[in-house]
N, C-alpha and C. Protein backbone atom coordinates (compact mmCIF):
# COMPACT_ATOMS: atom_id res chain seq x y z
N MET A 1 48.43 -3.17 -21.29
CA MET A 1 49.58 -2.73 -20.53
C MET A 1 50.84 -3.38 -21.08
N PRO A 2 51.56 -2.62 -21.85
CA PRO A 2 52.76 -3.14 -22.49
C PRO A 2 53.88 -3.44 -21.51
N SER A 3 54.46 -4.60 -21.68
CA SER A 3 55.66 -4.95 -20.93
C SER A 3 56.83 -4.37 -21.72
N VAL A 4 57.65 -3.53 -21.06
CA VAL A 4 58.69 -2.81 -21.79
C VAL A 4 60.10 -3.30 -21.47
N LEU A 5 60.22 -4.14 -20.45
CA LEU A 5 61.54 -4.59 -20.03
C LEU A 5 61.35 -5.78 -19.09
N ALA A 6 62.36 -6.61 -18.96
CA ALA A 6 62.35 -7.71 -17.99
C ALA A 6 63.62 -7.61 -17.16
N ILE A 7 63.46 -7.83 -15.86
CA ILE A 7 64.59 -7.77 -14.93
C ILE A 7 64.51 -9.01 -14.03
N ASP A 8 65.42 -9.93 -14.23
CA ASP A 8 65.47 -11.13 -13.38
C ASP A 8 64.11 -11.77 -13.17
N GLY A 9 63.37 -11.97 -14.24
CA GLY A 9 62.06 -12.63 -14.16
C GLY A 9 60.92 -11.71 -13.77
N LEU A 10 61.20 -10.43 -13.52
CA LEU A 10 60.16 -9.45 -13.21
C LEU A 10 59.82 -8.69 -14.49
N ARG A 11 58.54 -8.40 -14.68
CA ARG A 11 58.10 -7.64 -15.85
C ARG A 11 58.02 -6.16 -15.48
N VAL A 12 58.57 -5.31 -16.33
CA VAL A 12 58.48 -3.87 -16.16
C VAL A 12 57.42 -3.39 -17.13
N MET A 13 56.36 -2.77 -16.60
CA MET A 13 55.21 -2.42 -17.42
C MET A 13 54.85 -0.95 -17.28
N ILE A 14 54.33 -0.41 -18.37
CA ILE A 14 53.73 0.92 -18.37
C ILE A 14 52.27 0.72 -18.72
N TYR A 15 51.40 1.05 -17.80
CA TYR A 15 49.97 0.90 -18.05
C TYR A 15 49.50 1.99 -19.00
N THR A 16 48.63 1.63 -19.93
CA THR A 16 48.19 2.57 -20.96
C THR A 16 47.25 3.65 -20.43
N HIS A 17 46.47 3.35 -19.44
CA HIS A 17 45.54 4.34 -18.87
C HIS A 17 45.98 4.66 -17.46
N ASP A 18 47.12 5.32 -17.34
CA ASP A 18 47.70 5.59 -16.03
C ASP A 18 47.92 7.09 -15.87
N HIS A 19 48.36 7.49 -14.74
CA HIS A 19 48.49 8.90 -14.35
C HIS A 19 49.96 9.30 -14.28
N ARG A 20 50.19 10.57 -14.24
CA ARG A 20 51.52 11.12 -14.02
C ARG A 20 51.82 11.09 -12.53
N PRO A 21 53.07 11.15 -12.16
CA PRO A 21 54.26 11.30 -12.97
C PRO A 21 54.61 9.98 -13.68
N ALA A 22 55.52 10.09 -14.63
CA ALA A 22 55.95 8.92 -15.39
C ALA A 22 56.52 7.88 -14.42
N HIS A 23 56.01 6.66 -14.55
CA HIS A 23 56.44 5.59 -13.65
C HIS A 23 56.25 4.25 -14.33
N VAL A 24 56.84 3.22 -13.74
CA VAL A 24 56.68 1.86 -14.22
C VAL A 24 56.20 0.98 -13.07
N HIS A 25 55.51 -0.08 -13.44
CA HIS A 25 55.08 -1.11 -12.50
C HIS A 25 55.99 -2.31 -12.73
N VAL A 26 56.55 -2.84 -11.66
CA VAL A 26 57.41 -4.01 -11.74
C VAL A 26 56.66 -5.15 -11.06
N ILE A 27 56.39 -6.20 -11.83
CA ILE A 27 55.48 -7.26 -11.37
C ILE A 27 56.13 -8.62 -11.55
N GLY A 28 55.94 -9.49 -10.56
CA GLY A 28 56.38 -10.86 -10.67
C GLY A 28 56.65 -11.47 -9.31
N SER A 29 56.72 -12.78 -9.27
CA SER A 29 57.01 -13.51 -8.03
C SER A 29 56.08 -13.11 -6.89
N GLY A 30 54.81 -12.86 -7.20
CA GLY A 30 53.84 -12.51 -6.18
C GLY A 30 54.01 -11.12 -5.61
N ALA A 31 54.76 -10.27 -6.28
CA ALA A 31 55.03 -8.92 -5.79
C ALA A 31 54.74 -7.90 -6.88
N GLU A 32 54.51 -6.67 -6.45
CA GLU A 32 54.39 -5.55 -7.37
C GLU A 32 54.96 -4.32 -6.71
N ALA A 33 55.68 -3.53 -7.48
CA ALA A 33 56.23 -2.28 -6.99
C ALA A 33 56.09 -1.23 -8.08
N VAL A 34 56.04 0.03 -7.65
CA VAL A 34 55.93 1.15 -8.57
C VAL A 34 57.17 2.02 -8.38
N PHE A 35 57.81 2.34 -9.50
CA PHE A 35 59.01 3.17 -9.48
C PHE A 35 58.77 4.42 -10.32
N VAL A 36 58.91 5.58 -9.71
CA VAL A 36 58.83 6.85 -10.43
C VAL A 36 60.13 7.01 -11.21
N LEU A 37 60.03 7.42 -12.47
CA LEU A 37 61.20 7.48 -13.33
C LEU A 37 62.00 8.78 -13.18
N ASN A 38 61.36 9.84 -12.72
CA ASN A 38 62.01 11.15 -12.62
C ASN A 38 62.60 11.56 -13.96
N CYS A 39 61.75 11.52 -14.99
CA CYS A 39 62.16 11.87 -16.35
C CYS A 39 62.64 13.32 -16.41
N PRO A 40 63.59 13.58 -17.25
CA PRO A 40 64.15 12.70 -18.26
C PRO A 40 65.43 11.99 -17.83
N HIS A 41 66.01 12.36 -16.69
CA HIS A 41 67.34 11.85 -16.36
C HIS A 41 67.39 10.89 -15.16
N GLY A 42 66.26 10.70 -14.47
CA GLY A 42 66.28 9.84 -13.30
C GLY A 42 66.92 10.54 -12.12
N PRO A 43 67.28 9.82 -11.11
CA PRO A 43 67.24 8.36 -11.02
C PRO A 43 65.84 7.88 -10.65
N PRO A 44 65.54 6.63 -11.00
CA PRO A 44 64.26 6.07 -10.59
C PRO A 44 64.23 5.89 -9.08
N GLU A 45 63.02 6.02 -8.51
CA GLU A 45 62.89 5.82 -7.06
C GLU A 45 61.61 5.06 -6.76
N LEU A 46 61.67 4.27 -5.71
CA LEU A 46 60.53 3.47 -5.28
C LEU A 46 59.42 4.37 -4.75
N ARG A 47 58.21 4.19 -5.27
CA ARG A 47 57.05 4.90 -4.74
C ARG A 47 56.26 4.02 -3.79
N GLU A 48 56.08 2.76 -4.18
CA GLU A 48 55.37 1.82 -3.30
C GLU A 48 55.72 0.40 -3.68
N SER A 49 55.60 -0.49 -2.71
CA SER A 49 55.92 -1.88 -2.95
C SER A 49 54.99 -2.77 -2.15
N ARG A 50 54.54 -3.82 -2.80
CA ARG A 50 53.75 -4.87 -2.14
C ARG A 50 54.46 -6.19 -2.38
N GLY A 51 55.27 -6.60 -1.42
CA GLY A 51 55.89 -7.92 -1.49
C GLY A 51 57.27 -7.98 -2.10
N LEU A 52 57.81 -6.89 -2.62
CA LEU A 52 59.15 -6.91 -3.19
C LEU A 52 60.17 -6.70 -2.07
N GLN A 53 61.11 -7.62 -1.96
CA GLN A 53 62.12 -7.56 -0.91
C GLN A 53 63.06 -6.37 -1.14
N LEU A 54 63.62 -5.84 -0.06
CA LEU A 54 64.51 -4.68 -0.13
C LEU A 54 65.68 -4.91 -1.08
N ARG A 55 66.28 -6.11 -1.03
CA ARG A 55 67.42 -6.40 -1.92
C ARG A 55 66.98 -6.38 -3.38
N ASP A 56 65.73 -6.81 -3.64
CA ASP A 56 65.21 -6.80 -5.00
C ASP A 56 64.91 -5.37 -5.46
N VAL A 57 64.46 -4.52 -4.53
CA VAL A 57 64.23 -3.11 -4.87
C VAL A 57 65.52 -2.48 -5.36
N LYS A 58 66.61 -2.72 -4.64
CA LYS A 58 67.91 -2.17 -5.04
C LYS A 58 68.33 -2.70 -6.41
N SER A 59 68.14 -3.99 -6.65
CA SER A 59 68.49 -4.58 -7.95
C SER A 59 67.67 -3.97 -9.08
N VAL A 60 66.39 -3.76 -8.83
CA VAL A 60 65.52 -3.18 -9.85
C VAL A 60 65.95 -1.75 -10.14
N ILE A 61 66.21 -0.96 -9.11
CA ILE A 61 66.66 0.42 -9.32
C ILE A 61 67.95 0.43 -10.13
N ASP A 62 68.89 -0.44 -9.77
CA ASP A 62 70.16 -0.51 -10.51
C ASP A 62 69.93 -0.88 -11.97
N ALA A 63 68.97 -1.76 -12.24
CA ALA A 63 68.68 -2.16 -13.62
C ALA A 63 67.91 -1.08 -14.38
N LEU A 64 67.08 -0.31 -13.68
CA LEU A 64 66.31 0.74 -14.34
C LEU A 64 67.16 1.96 -14.68
N LYS A 65 68.16 2.26 -13.86
CA LYS A 65 68.96 3.48 -14.06
C LYS A 65 69.46 3.66 -15.48
N PRO A 66 70.12 2.66 -16.07
CA PRO A 66 70.63 2.89 -17.43
C PRO A 66 69.52 2.90 -18.50
N GLN A 67 68.31 2.55 -18.11
CA GLN A 67 67.20 2.48 -19.06
C GLN A 67 66.24 3.67 -18.95
N VAL A 68 66.52 4.62 -18.05
CA VAL A 68 65.59 5.71 -17.79
C VAL A 68 65.22 6.46 -19.07
N HIS A 69 66.19 6.80 -19.90
CA HIS A 69 65.88 7.54 -21.13
C HIS A 69 64.93 6.75 -22.02
N LEU A 70 65.18 5.47 -22.19
CA LEU A 70 64.32 4.60 -22.99
C LEU A 70 62.92 4.51 -22.38
N LEU A 71 62.84 4.33 -21.07
CA LEU A 71 61.55 4.20 -20.40
C LEU A 71 60.76 5.50 -20.45
N CYS A 72 61.44 6.63 -20.31
CA CYS A 72 60.77 7.93 -20.41
C CYS A 72 60.24 8.15 -21.82
N ALA A 73 61.01 7.76 -22.82
CA ALA A 73 60.56 7.87 -24.21
C ALA A 73 59.34 6.98 -24.45
N GLU A 74 59.35 5.80 -23.87
CA GLU A 74 58.21 4.89 -24.03
C GLU A 74 56.98 5.45 -23.31
N TRP A 75 57.17 6.03 -22.14
CA TRP A 75 56.06 6.67 -21.42
C TRP A 75 55.44 7.77 -22.30
N ARG A 76 56.29 8.61 -22.91
CA ARG A 76 55.79 9.69 -23.78
C ARG A 76 55.08 9.12 -25.01
N ARG A 77 55.60 8.03 -25.55
CA ARG A 77 54.96 7.41 -26.72
C ARG A 77 53.56 6.93 -26.36
N ILE A 78 53.41 6.34 -25.20
CA ILE A 78 52.12 5.78 -24.76
C ILE A 78 51.17 6.86 -24.31
N HIS A 79 51.66 7.83 -23.54
CA HIS A 79 50.80 8.82 -22.89
C HIS A 79 50.83 10.21 -23.51
N GLY A 80 51.76 10.47 -24.40
CA GLY A 80 51.89 11.81 -24.96
C GLY A 80 52.64 12.71 -23.99
N ARG A 81 52.83 13.92 -24.40
CA ARG A 81 53.60 14.87 -23.59
C ARG A 81 52.76 15.54 -22.52
N HIS A 82 51.45 15.47 -22.61
CA HIS A 82 50.60 16.21 -21.68
C HIS A 82 50.23 15.41 -20.48
């Protein structure tokens, strides 16, 4: 599971054997959240969270927004177009 980005000590990961839709797992500080990327243009949105505080969710979304194109390209590289 490649780590593709870091946000304030949280790892943004794309699991290699994962399902659609394109999404990232944000892990760290005893928490994990999943954000759907809404490729190709976003915006990313929270799908589920275990332990990530609401203020941190907003910060992660704000940090993911300008990276959506890069993250979508990385999802396609890992998973293909199908």
